[in-house]
C-alpha atoms as a PDB file:
ATOM      1  CA  MET A   1      -0.277  -0.623   9.444  1.00  0.00           C
ATOM      2  CA  PRO A   2      -1.113   2.512  11.486  1.00  0.00           C
ATOM      3  CA  THR A   3      -2.348   5.797  10.045  1.00  0.00           C
ATOM      4  CA  VAL A   4      -1.044   9.071  11.507  1.00  0.00           C
ATOM      5  CA  ALA A   5      -3.066  12.275  11.251  1.00  0.00           C
ATOM      6  CA  ASN A   6      -3.572  15.436  13.311  1.00  0.00           C
ATOM      7  CA  GLY A   7      -1.389  14.314  16.214  1.00  0.00           C
ATOM      8  CA  LEU A   8      -3.139  10.957  16.533  1.00  0.00           C
ATOM      9  CA  VAL A   9      -2.316   7.423  15.485  1.00  0.00           C
ATOM     10  CA  TYR A  10      -5.263   5.426  14.157  1.00  0.00           C
ATOM     11  CA  LEU A  11      -4.965   1.651  14.277  1.00  0.00           C
ATOM     12  CA  GLY A  12      -7.530  -0.790  12.943  1.00  0.00           C
ATOM     13  CA  VAL A  13      -8.065  -3.866  15.108  1.00  0.00           C
ATOM     14  CA  GLN A  14      -9.951  -7.067  14.336  1.00  0.00           C
ATOM     15  CA  ASP A  15     -12.287  -7.677  17.298  1.00  0.00           C
ATOM     16  CA  GLY A  16     -13.873 -10.765  15.794  1.00  0.00           C
ATOM     17  CA  PRO A  17     -14.306 -12.532  12.448  1.00  0.00           C
ATOM     18  CA  TYR A  18     -16.556  -9.762  11.128  1.00  0.00           C
ATOM     19  CA  ALA A  19     -16.241  -7.001  13.716  1.00  0.00           C
ATOM     20  CA  GLY A  20     -13.612  -4.316  14.024  1.00  0.00           C
ATOM     21  CA  SER A  21     -12.571  -1.137  15.754  1.00  0.00           C
ATOM     22  CA  VAL A  22     -10.311   1.782  15.036  1.00  0.00           C
ATOM     23  CA  TYR A  23      -8.360   3.035  18.042  1.00  0.00           C
ATOM     24  CA  ALA A  24      -7.136   6.621  18.277  1.00  0.00           C
ATOM     25  CA  LEU A  25      -3.942   7.108  20.315  1.00  0.00           C
ATOM     26  CA  GLU A  26      -1.910  10.171  21.155  1.00  0.00           C
ATOM     27  CA  ALA A  27       0.984  10.141  18.700  1.00  0.00           C
ATOM     28  CA  SER A  28       3.410  11.516  21.290  1.00  0.00           C
ATOM     29  CA  THR A  29       2.475   9.380  24.305  1.00  0.00           C
ATOM     30  CA  GLY A  30       0.375   6.422  23.118  1.00  0.00           C
ATOM     31  CA  ALA A  31      -2.425   7.445  25.467  1.00  0.00           C
ATOM     32  CA  ALA A  32      -5.816   6.243  24.298  1.00  0.00           C
ATOM     33  CA  ARG A  33      -8.040   8.989  22.936  1.00  0.00           C
ATOM     34  CA  GLY A  34     -10.929   6.815  21.883  1.00  0.00           C
ATOM     35  CA  ARG A  35     -12.231   3.680  20.239  1.00  0.00           C
ATOM     36  CA  ILE A  36     -14.517   3.794  17.258  1.00  0.00           C
ATOM     37  CA  LEU A  37     -16.659   0.758  16.492  1.00  0.00           C
ATOM     38  CA  THR A  38     -16.525   0.361  12.761  1.00  0.00           C
ATOM     39  CA  VAL A  39     -18.941  -0.932  10.199  1.00  0.00           C
ATOM     40  CA  GLY A  40     -18.023  -4.514   9.351  1.00  0.00           C
ATOM     41  CA  GLY A  41     -14.810  -6.365  10.136  1.00  0.00           C
ATOM     42  CA  GLN A  42     -11.376  -4.804   9.925  1.00  0.00           C
ATOM     43  CA  SER A  43      -9.505  -5.120   6.643  1.00  0.00           C
ATOM     44  CA  ALA A  44      -7.112  -2.668   5.019  1.00  0.00           C
ATOM     45  CA  PRO A  45      -5.648   0.362   6.828  1.00  0.00           C
ATOM     46  CA  PRO A  46      -8.037   3.332   6.843  1.00  0.00           C
ATOM     47  CA  ALA A  47      -7.474   6.794   5.455  1.00  0.00           C
ATOM     48  CA  VAL A  48      -8.100   9.726   7.801  1.00  0.00           C
ATOM     49  CA  VAL A  49      -8.772  12.981   5.954  1.00  0.00           C
ATOM     50  CA  ASN A  50     -10.393  16.179   7.234  1.00  0.00           C
ATOM     51  CA  GLY A  51     -11.653  14.511  10.393  1.00  0.00           C
ATOM     52  CA  VAL A  52     -13.226  11.535   8.604  1.00  0.00           C
ATOM     53  CA  ILE A  53     -12.173   7.864   8.687  1.00  0.00           C
ATOM     54  CA  TYR A  54     -12.612   6.117   5.327  1.00  0.00           C
ATOM     55  CA  ARG A  55     -12.316   2.347   5.388  1.00  0.00           C
ATOM     56  CA  GLY A  56     -13.455  -0.836   3.688  1.00  0.00           C
ATOM     57  CA  SER A  57     -14.270  -4.256   5.106  1.00  0.00           C
ATOM     58  CA  GLN A  58     -15.998  -7.525   4.317  1.00  0.00           C
ATOM     59  CA  ASP A  59     -19.778  -7.425   4.566  1.00  0.00           C
ATOM     60  CA  GLY A  60     -20.435 -10.511   6.698  1.00  0.00           C
ATOM     61  CA  VAL A  61     -20.114 -14.230   7.312  1.00  0.00           C
ATOM     62  CA  PHE A  62     -22.118 -15.324   4.297  1.00  0.00           C
ATOM     63  CA  SER A  63     -21.196 -12.542   1.904  1.00  0.00           C
ATOM     64  CA  SER A  64     -18.138 -11.981  -0.251  1.00  0.00           C
ATOM     65  CA  ASP A  65     -19.130  -8.374  -0.859  1.00  0.00           C
ATOM     66  CA  SER A  66     -17.354  -5.438   0.685  1.00  0.00           C
ATOM     67  CA  ILE A  67     -18.712  -2.416   2.450  1.00  0.00           C
ATOM     68  CA  PHE A  68     -17.080   0.963   2.480  1.00  0.00           C
ATOM     69  CA  SER A  69     -17.877   3.588   5.086  1.00  0.00           C
ATOM     70  CA  ALA A  70     -17.077   7.115   6.211  1.00  0.00           C
ATOM     71  CA  GLN A  71     -17.202   7.819   9.954  1.00  0.00           C
ATOM     72  CA  ASP A  72     -16.461  10.877  12.052  1.00  0.00           C
ATOM     73  CA  ALA A  73     -12.924  10.486  13.412  1.00  0.00           C
ATOM     74  CA  SER A  74     -13.870  12.034  16.769  1.00  0.00           C
ATOM     75  CA  THR A  75     -17.246  10.462  17.526  1.00  0.00           C
ATOM     76  CA  GLY A  76     -17.501   7.474  15.230  1.00  0.00           C
ATOM     77  CA  ALA A  77     -20.797   8.750  13.860  1.00  0.00           C
ATOM     78  CA  LEU A  78     -21.591   7.134  10.519  1.00  0.00           C
ATOM     79  CA  ARG A  79     -21.652   9.596   7.645  1.00  0.00           C
ATOM     80  CA  TRP A  80     -22.344   7.115   4.870  1.00  0.00           C
ATOM     81  CA  ARG A  81     -22.041   3.447   3.972  1.00  0.00           C
ATOM     82  CA  VAL A  82     -22.082   1.712   0.589  1.00  0.00           C
ATOM     83  CA  GLN A  83     -21.915  -1.920  -0.515  1.00  0.00           C
ATOM     84  CA  ILE A  84     -19.650  -3.038  -3.348  1.00  0.00           C
ATOM     85  CA  SER A  85     -20.054  -6.430  -4.993  1.00  0.00           C
ATOM     86  CA  GLY A  86     -17.017  -8.679  -5.059  1.00  0.00           C
ATOM     87  CA  SER A  87     -14.592  -8.921  -2.174  1.00  0.00           C
ATOM     88  CA  GLU A  88     -13.230  -6.762   0.608  1.00  0.00           C
ATOM     89  CA  ALA A  89     -11.851  -3.326  -0.153  1.00  0.00           C
ATOM     90  CA  GLY A  90      -8.226  -2.251  -0.093  1.00  0.00           C
ATOM     91  CA  PRO A  91      -6.660   0.839   1.477  1.00  0.00           C
ATOM     92  CA  PRO A  92      -8.293   3.982   0.085  1.00  0.00           C
ATOM     93  CA  ALA A  93      -6.832   7.235  -1.165  1.00  0.00           C
ATOM     94  CA  VAL A  94      -8.699  10.542  -0.935  1.00  0.00           C
ATOM     95  CA  ALA A  95      -8.129  13.545  -3.181  1.00  0.00           C
ATOM     96  CA  ASN A  96     -10.213  16.465  -4.453  1.00  0.00           C
ATOM     97  CA  GLY A  97     -13.368  15.278  -2.720  1.00  0.00           C
ATOM     98  CA  VAL A  98     -13.183  11.754  -4.147  1.00  0.00           C
ATOM     99  CA  VAL A  99     -12.329   8.414  -2.512  1.00  0.00           C
ATOM    100  CA  TYR A 100     -10.496   5.943  -4.767  1.00  0.00           C
ATOM    101  CA  VAL A 101     -10.393   2.316  -3.640  1.00  0.00           C
ATOM    102  CA  GLY A 102      -9.814  -1.139  -5.071  1.00  0.00           C
ATOM    103  CA  ALA A 103     -12.786  -3.351  -4.223  1.00  0.00           C
ATOM    104  CA  GLY A 104     -14.101  -6.534  -5.749  1.00  0.00           C
ATOM    105  CA  GLY A 105     -11.420  -6.426  -8.414  1.00  0.00           C
ATOM    106  CA  SER A 106     -12.631  -3.017  -9.577  1.00  0.00           C
ATOM    107  CA  LEU A 107     -11.253   0.439  -9.069  1.00  0.00           C
ATOM    108  CA  VAL A 108     -14.060   2.520  -7.581  1.00  0.00           C
ATOM    109  CA  ALA A 109     -14.434   6.297  -7.237  1.00  0.00           C
ATOM    110  CA  LEU A 110     -16.856   7.477  -4.533  1.00  0.00           C
ATOM    111  CA  ASP A 111     -17.944  10.970  -3.575  1.00  0.00           C
ATOM    112  CA  ALA A 112     -16.155  11.673  -0.295  1.00  0.00           C
ATOM    113  CA  ALA A 113     -19.076  13.631   1.155  1.00  0.00           C
ATOM    114  CA  THR A 114     -21.947  11.293   0.258  1.00  0.00           C
ATOM    115  CA  GLY A 115     -20.513   7.929  -0.845  1.00  0.00           C
ATOM    116  CA  ALA A 116     -22.272   8.245  -4.214  1.00  0.00           C
ATOM    117  CA  LEU A 117     -20.630   6.220  -6.973  1.00  0.00           C
ATOM    118  CA  ARG A 118     -18.854   8.400  -9.519  1.00  0.00           C
ATOM    119  CA  TRP A 119     -17.415   5.595 -11.610  1.00  0.00           C
ATOM    120  CA  GLN A 120     -16.300   1.976 -11.431  1.00  0.00           C
ATOM    121  CA  SER A 121     -13.738   0.204 -13.575  1.00  0.00           C
ATOM    122  CA  PRO A 122     -14.437  -3.271 -15.031  1.00  0.00           C
ATOM    123  CA  ALA A 123     -14.876  -5.842 -12.265  1.00  0.00           C
ATOM    124  CA  LYS A 124     -13.333  -9.281 -11.997  1.00  0.00           C
ATOM    125  CA  THR A 125     -15.225 -12.476 -12.722  1.00  0.00           C
ATOM    126  CA  ALA A 126     -12.622 -14.980 -11.565  1.00  0.00           C
ATOM    127  CA  LEU A 127      -9.616 -15.199  -9.317  1.00  0.00           C
ATOM    128  CA  SER A 128      -6.317 -13.822 -10.566  1.00  0.00           C
ATOM    129  CA  PRO A 129      -4.581 -14.552 -12.864  1.00  0.00           C
ATOM    130  CA  ARG A 130      -7.612 -14.235 -15.103  1.00  0.00           C
ATOM    131  CA  PRO A 131      -7.846 -16.461 -18.181  1.00  0.00           C
ATOM    132  CA  ASP A 132      -9.230 -13.606 -20.282  1.00  0.00           C
ATOM    133  CA  ASN A 133      -6.442 -11.226 -19.235  1.00  0.00           C
ATOM    134  CA  SER A 134      -8.860  -8.511 -18.151  1.00  0.00           C
ATOM    135  CA  PRO A 135      -8.234  -6.047 -15.315  1.00  0.00           C
ATOM    136  CA  TYR A 136      -8.401  -7.226 -11.710  1.00  0.00           C
ATOM    137  CA  PHE A 137      -7.331  -4.268  -9.632  1.00  0.00           C
ATOM    138  CA  ALA A 138      -5.322  -5.286  -6.601  1.00  0.00           C
ATOM    139  CA  PHE A 139      -6.069  -4.191  -3.069  1.00  0.00           C
ATOM    140  CA  SER A 140      -3.369  -1.556  -2.793  1.00  0.00           C
ATOM    141  CA  THR A 141      -3.559   2.204  -2.487  1.00  0.00           C
ATOM    142  CA  PRO A 142      -4.151   4.056  -5.774  1.00  0.00           C
ATOM    143  CA  VAL A 143      -2.105   7.155  -6.609  1.00  0.00           C
ATOM    144  CA  MET A 144      -3.599  10.379  -7.992  1.00  0.00           C
ATOM    145  CA  ALA A 145      -1.920  13.290  -9.759  1.00  0.00           C
ATOM    146  CA  ASN A 146      -2.626  15.688 -12.624  1.00  0.00           C
ATOM    147  CA  GLY A 147      -6.096  14.362 -13.300  1.00  0.00           C
ATOM    148  CA  MET A 148      -5.104  10.692 -13.433  1.00  0.00           C
ATOM    149  CA  VAL A 149      -5.320   7.700 -11.108  1.00  0.00           C
ATOM    150  CA  TYR A 150      -2.613   5.033 -11.200  1.00  0.00           C
ATOM    151  CA  ALA A 151      -3.368   1.501  -9.996  1.00  0.00           C
ATOM    152  CA  ASN A 152      -2.016  -2.025 -10.320  1.00  0.00           C
ATOM    153  CA  SER A 153      -3.971  -4.926 -11.786  1.00  0.00           C
ATOM    154  CA  GLU A 154      -3.104  -8.543 -10.954  1.00  0.00           C
ATOM    155  CA  GLY A 155      -5.445 -10.130 -13.477  1.00  0.00           C
ATOM    156  CA  ASP A 156      -3.587  -8.913 -16.531  1.00  0.00           C
ATOM    157  CA  GLN A 157      -0.289  -8.114 -14.763  1.00  0.00           C
ATOM    158  CA  SER A 158      -0.504  -4.452 -15.651  1.00  0.00           C
ATOM    159  CA  VAL A 159      -0.342  -0.924 -14.341  1.00  0.00           C
ATOM    160  CA  TYR A 160      -3.104   1.425 -15.462  1.00  0.00           C
ATOM    161  CA  ALA A 161      -3.478   5.167 -15.707  1.00  0.00           C
ATOM    162  CA  LEU A 162      -7.150   6.118 -15.623  1.00  0.00           C
ATOM    163  CA  ASP A 163      -8.878   9.469 -15.981  1.00  0.00           C
ATOM    164  CA  ALA A 164      -9.658  10.592 -12.425  1.00  0.00           C
ATOM    165  CA  ASN A 165     -13.012  12.070 -13.454  1.00  0.00           C
ATOM    166  CA  THR A 166     -14.355   9.311 -15.690  1.00  0.00           C
ATOM    167  CA  GLY A 167     -12.359   6.132 -15.044  1.00  0.00           C
ATOM    168  CA  MET A 168     -11.450   5.876 -18.732  1.00  0.00           C
ATOM    169  CA  VAL A 169      -8.110   4.198 -19.430  1.00  0.00           C
ATOM    170  CA  ARG A 170      -5.381   6.597 -20.563  1.00  0.00           C
ATOM    171  CA  TRP A 171      -2.665   3.947 -20.820  1.00  0.00           C
ATOM    172  CA  GLN A 172      -1.810   0.420 -19.763  1.00  0.00           C
ATOM    173  CA  PHE A 173       1.611  -1.118 -19.187  1.00  0.00           C
ATOM    174  CA  THR A 174       2.099  -4.878 -18.915  1.00  0.00           C
ATOM    175  CA  GLY A 175       5.492  -5.613 -17.388  1.00  0.00           C
ATOM    176  CA  ALA A 176       5.471  -9.370 -16.950  1.00  0.00           C
ATOM    177  CA  GLN A 177       8.219 -10.811 -19.156  1.00  0.00           C
ATOM    178  CA  PHE A 178       9.329 -13.865 -17.184  1.00  0.00           C
ATOM    179  CA  GLY A 179       6.032 -15.526 -16.201  1.00  0.00           C
ATOM    180  CA  TYR A 180       3.299 -14.276 -13.881  1.00  0.00           C
ATOM    181  CA  GLU A 181       4.955 -11.342 -12.141  1.00  0.00           C
ATOM    182  CA  PHE A 182       2.316  -9.402 -10.232  1.00  0.00           C
ATOM    183  CA  PRO A 183       2.723  -5.624  -9.991  1.00  0.00           C
ATOM    184  CA  GLU A 184       3.001  -3.913  -6.612  1.00  0.00           C
ATOM    185  CA  ALA A 185       1.357  -0.578  -5.864  1.00  0.00           C
ATOM    186  CA  PRO A 186       2.809   2.136  -8.128  1.00  0.00           C
ATOM    187  CA  ILE A 187       4.635   5.196  -6.818  1.00  0.00           C
ATOM    188  CA  LEU A 188       4.530   8.561  -8.575  1.00  0.00           C
ATOM    189  CA  GLU A 189       7.385  11.049  -8.330  1.00  0.00           C
ATOM    190  CA  HIS A 190       8.210  14.030 -10.604  1.00  0.00           C
ATOM    191  CA  GLY A 191       6.241  12.783 -13.585  1.00  0.00           C
ATOM    192  CA  VAL A 192       7.488   9.191 -13.367  1.00  0.00           C
ATOM    193  CA  VAL A 193       5.578   6.098 -12.229  1.00  0.00           C
ATOM    194  CA  TYR A 194       7.774   3.534 -10.485  1.00  0.00           C
ATOM    195  CA  VAL A 195       6.457   0.010 -10.147  1.00  0.00           C
ATOM    196  CA  VAL A 196       7.825  -3.363  -9.064  1.00  0.00           C
ATOM    197  CA  PHE A 197       6.687  -6.562 -10.731  1.00  0.00           C
ATOM    198  CA  GLY A 198       7.335  -9.231  -8.127  1.00  0.00           C
ATOM    199  CA  ARG A 199       8.911 -12.619  -8.657  1.00  0.00           C
ATOM    200  CA  ASN A 200       6.287 -15.274  -7.887  1.00  0.00           C
ATOM    201  CA  GLN A 201       7.593 -18.808  -8.242  1.00  0.00           C
ATOM    202  CA  PRO A 202       4.258 -20.609  -7.632  1.00  0.00           C
ATOM    203  CA  PHE A 203       2.945 -18.879 -10.765  1.00  0.00           C
ATOM    204  CA  GLY A 204       6.046 -19.687 -12.798  1.00  0.00           C
ATOM    205  CA  SER A 205       7.764 -16.324 -12.721  1.00  0.00           C
ATOM    206  CA  THR A 206      11.540 -16.181 -12.534  1.00  0.00           C
ATOM    207  CA  HIS A 207      12.392 -12.501 -12.028  1.00  0.00           C
ATOM    208  CA  SER A 208      11.533  -9.345 -10.154  1.00  0.00           C
ATOM    209  CA  SER A 209      11.553  -6.196 -12.243  1.00  0.00           C
ATOM    210  CA  VAL A 210      11.564  -2.477 -11.514  1.00  0.00           C
ATOM    211  CA  TYR A 211      10.192  -0.117 -14.153  1.00  0.00           C
ATOM    212  CA  ALA A 212      10.251   3.646 -14.491  1.00  0.00           C
ATOM    213  CA  LEU A 213       7.324   4.746 -16.676  1.00  0.00           C
ATOM    214  CA  ASP A 214       6.434   8.125 -18.082  1.00  0.00           C
ATOM    215  CA  ALA A 215       3.377   9.222 -16.089  1.00  0.00           C
ATOM    216  CA  THR A 216       1.687  10.782 -19.128  1.00  0.00           C
ATOM    217  CA  THR A 217       2.265   8.088 -21.755  1.00  0.00           C
ATOM    218  CA  GLY A 218       3.320   4.912 -19.903  1.00  0.00           C
ATOM    219  CA  ALA A 219       6.508   4.693 -21.991  1.00  0.00           C
ATOM    220  CA  VAL A 220       9.403   2.849 -20.329  1.00  0.00           C
ATOM    221  CA  ARG A 221      12.266   5.111 -19.288  1.00  0.00           C
ATOM    222  CA  TRP A 222      14.355   2.295 -17.815  1.00  0.00           C
ATOM    223  CA  SER A 223      14.015  -1.130 -16.232  1.00  0.00           C
ATOM    224  CA  VAL A 224      16.105  -3.490 -14.102  1.00  0.00           C
ATOM    225  CA  HIS A 225      15.577  -7.207 -13.549  1.00  0.00           C
ATOM    226  CA  ASP A 226      16.650  -9.585 -10.784  1.00  0.00           C
ATOM    227  CA  SER A 227      16.299 -13.363 -10.857  1.00  0.00           C
ATOM    228  CA  ALA A 228      17.469 -13.920  -7.271  1.00  0.00           C
ATOM    229  CA  ASN A 229      14.647 -12.592  -5.095  1.00  0.00           C
ATOM    230  CA  ALA A 230      11.333 -10.782  -4.785  1.00  0.00           C
ATOM    231  CA  TYR A 231      11.266  -7.048  -4.132  1.00  0.00           C
ATOM    232  CA  SER A 232       8.942  -5.003  -1.983  1.00  0.00           C
ATOM    233  CA  ALA A 233       6.903  -2.136  -3.328  1.00  0.00           C
ATOM    234  CA  PRO A 234       9.216   0.856  -3.825  1.00  0.00           C
ATOM    235  CA  ALA A 235       9.634   4.060  -1.851  1.00  0.00           C
ATOM    236  CA  VAL A 236      10.954   7.028  -3.829  1.00  0.00           C
ATOM    237  CA  VAL A 237      12.514  10.031  -2.077  1.00  0.00           C
ATOM    238  CA  ASP A 238      14.901  12.720  -3.360  1.00  0.00           C
ATOM    239  CA  GLY A 239      15.772  10.929  -6.568  1.00  0.00           C
ATOM    240  CA  VAL A 240      16.405   7.523  -4.979  1.00  0.00           C
ATOM    241  CA  ILE A 241      14.324   4.333  -5.050  1.00  0.00           C
ATOM    242  CA  TYR A 242      14.430   2.169  -1.927  1.00  0.00           C
ATOM    243  CA  LEU A 243      13.456  -1.512  -2.064  1.00  0.00           C
ATOM    244  CA  GLY A 244      13.291  -4.304   0.478  1.00  0.00           C
ATOM    245  CA  SER A 245      13.785  -7.905  -0.610  1.00  0.00           C
ATOM    246  CA  THR A 246      13.150 -11.504   0.385  1.00  0.00           C
ATOM    247  CA  ALA A 247      16.858 -12.202  -0.145  1.00  0.00           C
ATOM    248  CA  GLY A 248      17.753 -10.317   3.031  1.00  0.00           C
ATOM    249  CA  TYR A 249      18.873  -6.912   1.847  1.00  0.00           C
ATOM    250  CA  VAL A 250      17.657  -3.377   1.205  1.00  0.00           C
ATOM    251  CA  ALA A 251      18.698  -1.695  -2.036  1.00  0.00           C
ATOM    252  CA  ALA A 252      18.870   1.899  -3.240  1.00  0.00           C
ATOM    253  CA  LEU A 253      18.623   2.657  -6.979  1.00  0.00           C
ATOM    254  CA  ASP A 254      19.116   5.915  -8.813  1.00  0.00           C
ATOM    255  CA  ALA A 255      15.619   7.040  -9.808  1.00  0.00           C
ATOM    256  CA  THR A 256      16.855   8.549 -13.095  1.00  0.00           C
ATOM    257  CA  THR A 257      18.825   5.572 -14.382  1.00  0.00           C
ATOM    258  CA  GLY A 258      18.019   2.525 -12.234  1.00  0.00           C
ATOM    259  CA  VAL A 259      21.706   2.082 -11.397  1.00  0.00           C
ATOM    260  CA  ALA A 260      22.321   0.655  -7.918  1.00  0.00           C
ATOM    261  CA  ARG A 261      23.683   3.130  -5.369  1.00  0.00           C
ATOM    262  CA  TRP A 262      24.090   0.702  -2.471  1.00  0.00           C
ATOM    263  CA  ARG A 263      22.909  -2.608  -1.075  1.00  0.00           C
ATOM    264  CA  SER A 264      22.700  -3.321   2.662  1.00  0.00           C
ATOM    265  CA  SER A 265      22.650  -6.978   3.713  1.00  0.00           C
ATOM    266  CA  MET A 266      20.853  -8.460   6.700  1.00  0.00           C
ATOM    267  CA  ASP A 267      20.190 -11.997   7.851  1.00  0.00           C
ATOM    268  CA  VAL A 268      16.434 -12.100   7.293  1.00  0.00           C
ATOM    269  CA  ALA A 269      13.885 -11.159   4.648  1.00  0.00           C
ATOM    270  CA  ALA A 270      12.965  -7.492   4.777  1.00  0.00           C
ATOM    271  CA  ASP A 271      10.451  -6.966   1.988  1.00  0.00           C
ATOM    272  CA  SER A 272       8.053  -4.633   3.743  1.00  0.00           C
ATOM    273  CA  LEU A 273       7.447  -1.298   2.059  1.00  0.00           C
ATOM    274  CA  PRO A 274      10.313   0.950   3.248  1.00  0.00           C
ATOM    275  CA  ALA A 275       9.605   4.258   4.970  1.00  0.00           C
ATOM    276  CA  VAL A 276      12.077   7.073   4.321  1.00  0.00           C
ATOM    277  CA  ALA A 277      12.492  10.226   6.424  1.00  0.00           C
ATOM    278  CA  ASN A 278      15.177  12.331   8.069  1.00  0.00           C
ATOM    279  CA  GLY A 279      17.991  10.731   6.107  1.00  0.00           C
ATOM    280  CA  ALA A 280      17.064   7.181   7.127  1.00  0.00           C
ATOM    281  CA  VAL A 281      15.333   4.151   5.617  1.00  0.00           C
ATOM    282  CA  TYR A 282      13.119   2.083   7.922  1.00  0.00           C
ATOM    283  CA  VAL A 283      12.106  -1.499   7.103  1.00  0.00           C
ATOM    284  CA  ALA A 284      10.352  -4.285   8.984  1.00  0.00           C
ATOM    285  CA  ALA A 285      11.923  -7.737   8.783  1.00  0.00           C
ATOM    286  CA  SER A 286      10.598 -11.285   8.999  1.00  0.00           C
ATOM    287  CA  ASP A 287      12.087 -11.831  12.468  1.00  0.00           C
ATOM    288  CA  GLY A 288       9.889  -9.101  13.943  1.00  0.00           C
ATOM    289  CA  SER A 289      12.622  -6.479  14.007  1.00  0.00           C
ATOM    290  CA  VAL A 290      12.702  -2.932  12.640  1.00  0.00           C
ATOM    291  CA  TYR A 291      15.874  -1.644  10.966  1.00  0.00           C
ATOM    292  CA  ALA A 292      17.018   1.942  10.439  1.00  0.00           C
ATOM    293  CA  LEU A 293      19.602   2.418   7.677  1.00  0.00           C
ATOM    294  CA  ASN A 294      21.482   5.478   6.517  1.00  0.00           C
ATOM    295  CA  ALA A 295      19.679   6.638   3.366  1.00  0.00           C
ATOM    296  CA  GLN A 296      22.923   7.726   1.672  1.00  0.00           C
ATOM    297  CA  THR A 297      25.111   4.707   2.404  1.00  0.00           C
ATOM    298  CA  GLY A 298      22.901   1.863   3.630  1.00  0.00           C
ATOM    299  CA  ALA A 299      24.880   1.583   6.880  1.00  0.00           C
ATOM    300  CA  GLN A 300      22.790   0.281   9.759  1.00  0.00           C
ATOM    301  CA  ARG A 301      21.917   2.931  12.346  1.00  0.00           C
ATOM    302  CA  TRP A 302      19.910   0.769  14.715  1.00  0.00           C
ATOM    303  CA  ARG A 303      17.766  -2.335  15.017  1.00  0.00           C
ATOM    304  CA  TYR A 304      14.827  -2.838  17.359  1.00  0.00           C
ATOM    305  CA  GLN A 305      13.312  -6.223  18.138  1.00  0.00           C
ATOM    306  CA  THR A 306       9.555  -6.145  18.694  1.00  0.00           C
ATOM    307  CA  ASP A 307       7.396  -8.914  20.132  1.00  0.00           C
ATOM    308  CA  GLY A 308       6.393  -9.841  16.593  1.00  0.00           C
ATOM    309  CA  ALA A 309       6.452 -13.526  15.770  1.00  0.00           C
ATOM    310  CA  GLN A 310       8.142 -14.935  12.704  1.00  0.00           C
ATOM    311  CA  GLY A 311       6.547 -13.516   9.611  1.00  0.00           C
ATOM    312  CA  LEU A 312       6.578 -10.138   7.941  1.00  0.00           C
ATOM    313  CA  GLN A 313       5.342  -7.177   9.909  1.00  0.00           C
ATOM    314  CA  PRO A 314       3.236  -4.335   8.565  1.00  0.00           C
ATOM    315  CA  SER A 315       5.302  -1.601   7.007  1.00  0.00           C
ATOM    316  CA  PRO A 316       6.536   1.110   9.381  1.00  0.00           C
ATOM    317  CA  VAL A 317       5.180   4.662   9.252  1.00  0.00           C
ATOM    318  CA  VAL A 318       7.295   7.728  10.050  1.00  0.00           C
ATOM    319  CA  ALA A 319       5.736  10.933  11.374  1.00  0.00           C
ATOM    320  CA  ASN A 320       6.574  13.638  13.899  1.00  0.00           C
ATOM    321  CA  GLY A 321      10.067  12.274  14.531  1.00  0.00           C
ATOM    322  CA  ALA A 322       8.837   8.772  15.417  1.00  0.00           C
ATOM    323  CA  VAL A 323       8.664   5.405  13.684  1.00  0.00           C
ATOM    324  CA  TYR A 324       5.326   3.653  14.251  1.00  0.00           C
ATOM    325  CA  VAL A 325       5.083  -0.081  13.699  1.00  0.00           C
ATOM    326  CA  SER A 326       2.471  -2.579  14.836  1.00  0.00           C
ATOM    327  CA  SER A 327       2.680  -6.213  15.808  1.00  0.00           C
ATOM    328  CA  SER A 328      -0.152  -8.606  16.578  1.00  0.00           C
ATOM    329  CA  GLN A 329      -0.212  -7.364  20.175  1.00  0.00           C
ATOM    330  CA  PHE A 330       1.320  -3.886  20.374  1.00  0.00           C
ATOM    331  CA  LEU A 331       1.805  -0.581  18.647  1.00  0.00           C
ATOM    332  CA  TYR A 332       5.356   0.756  18.975  1.00  0.00           C
ATOM    333  CA  ALA A 333       6.609   4.305  18.673  1.00  0.00           C
ATOM    334  CA  LEU A 334      10.393   4.346  18.179  1.00  0.00           C
ATOM    335  CA  THR A 335      12.610   7.417  18.080  1.00  0.00           C
ATOM    336  CA  ALA A 336      13.512   8.008  14.456  1.00  0.00           C
END
């Protein structure tokens, strides 16, 4: 999935099993602005903040550890590099001079300027689901607001709110009611945490669930459950929750009540994370196509077929009036 910042599109590319690059392209034209050789192999999408690329990767052929680095976005010069025991790191989030990232089953807070460890949540000791039901933080982007960090844990099928300064747990919500439903990355909007617990038949789960949780206490405001398909992670914009699904439709729910506003059917699975902007919802589908739907009604505005092979594409990104989506071979900029 590309990252857009300061008029450039940054795209991580796997050059070899344990080697990677980040390419910088003009957001308006696609012209190459530079290639930055990165530390370690490519993994999750990077974060680009204040002229610095923050990214994690696997350490090497014979190591399951991850490395996390900060490099100058213009020159590629290494600012700092740290090693984290466990497995490769997820996509980071940067706020208030701190980098938050899931790595090795832990949630880690690093000083953005130096890479110094500020705190680390309990780490995993076994693959998820964990027999001791302890946290195993998934490799998805944490969310920060009002002095708290929100993150999803696969090991105990929970969403956590942690103190952003200390890593101490403020609250925990376990939403799995129908088997092993794993939580997607949480979304925070107007004091509410929205999270999808995905249906996962190999682990015996029978439903997908959407929860609206009070951001301060973790109390459930409402929930909806669906036994027919698995949902994507949610996007929340202007009081509406947008969800893709494996059942071949995109749904819009009222963010206050959970009541369905509309459902737009398509012929293929479209459970990428939706992107919402300019009155439209953009989703990537399993046939390699990108759909634009009217955000108010769900009516299809357009569909674009990329070169992508069968299989889900990375989620689209909307910025500067364009929809950016990557395939295995190309980066596309489509008029929004």
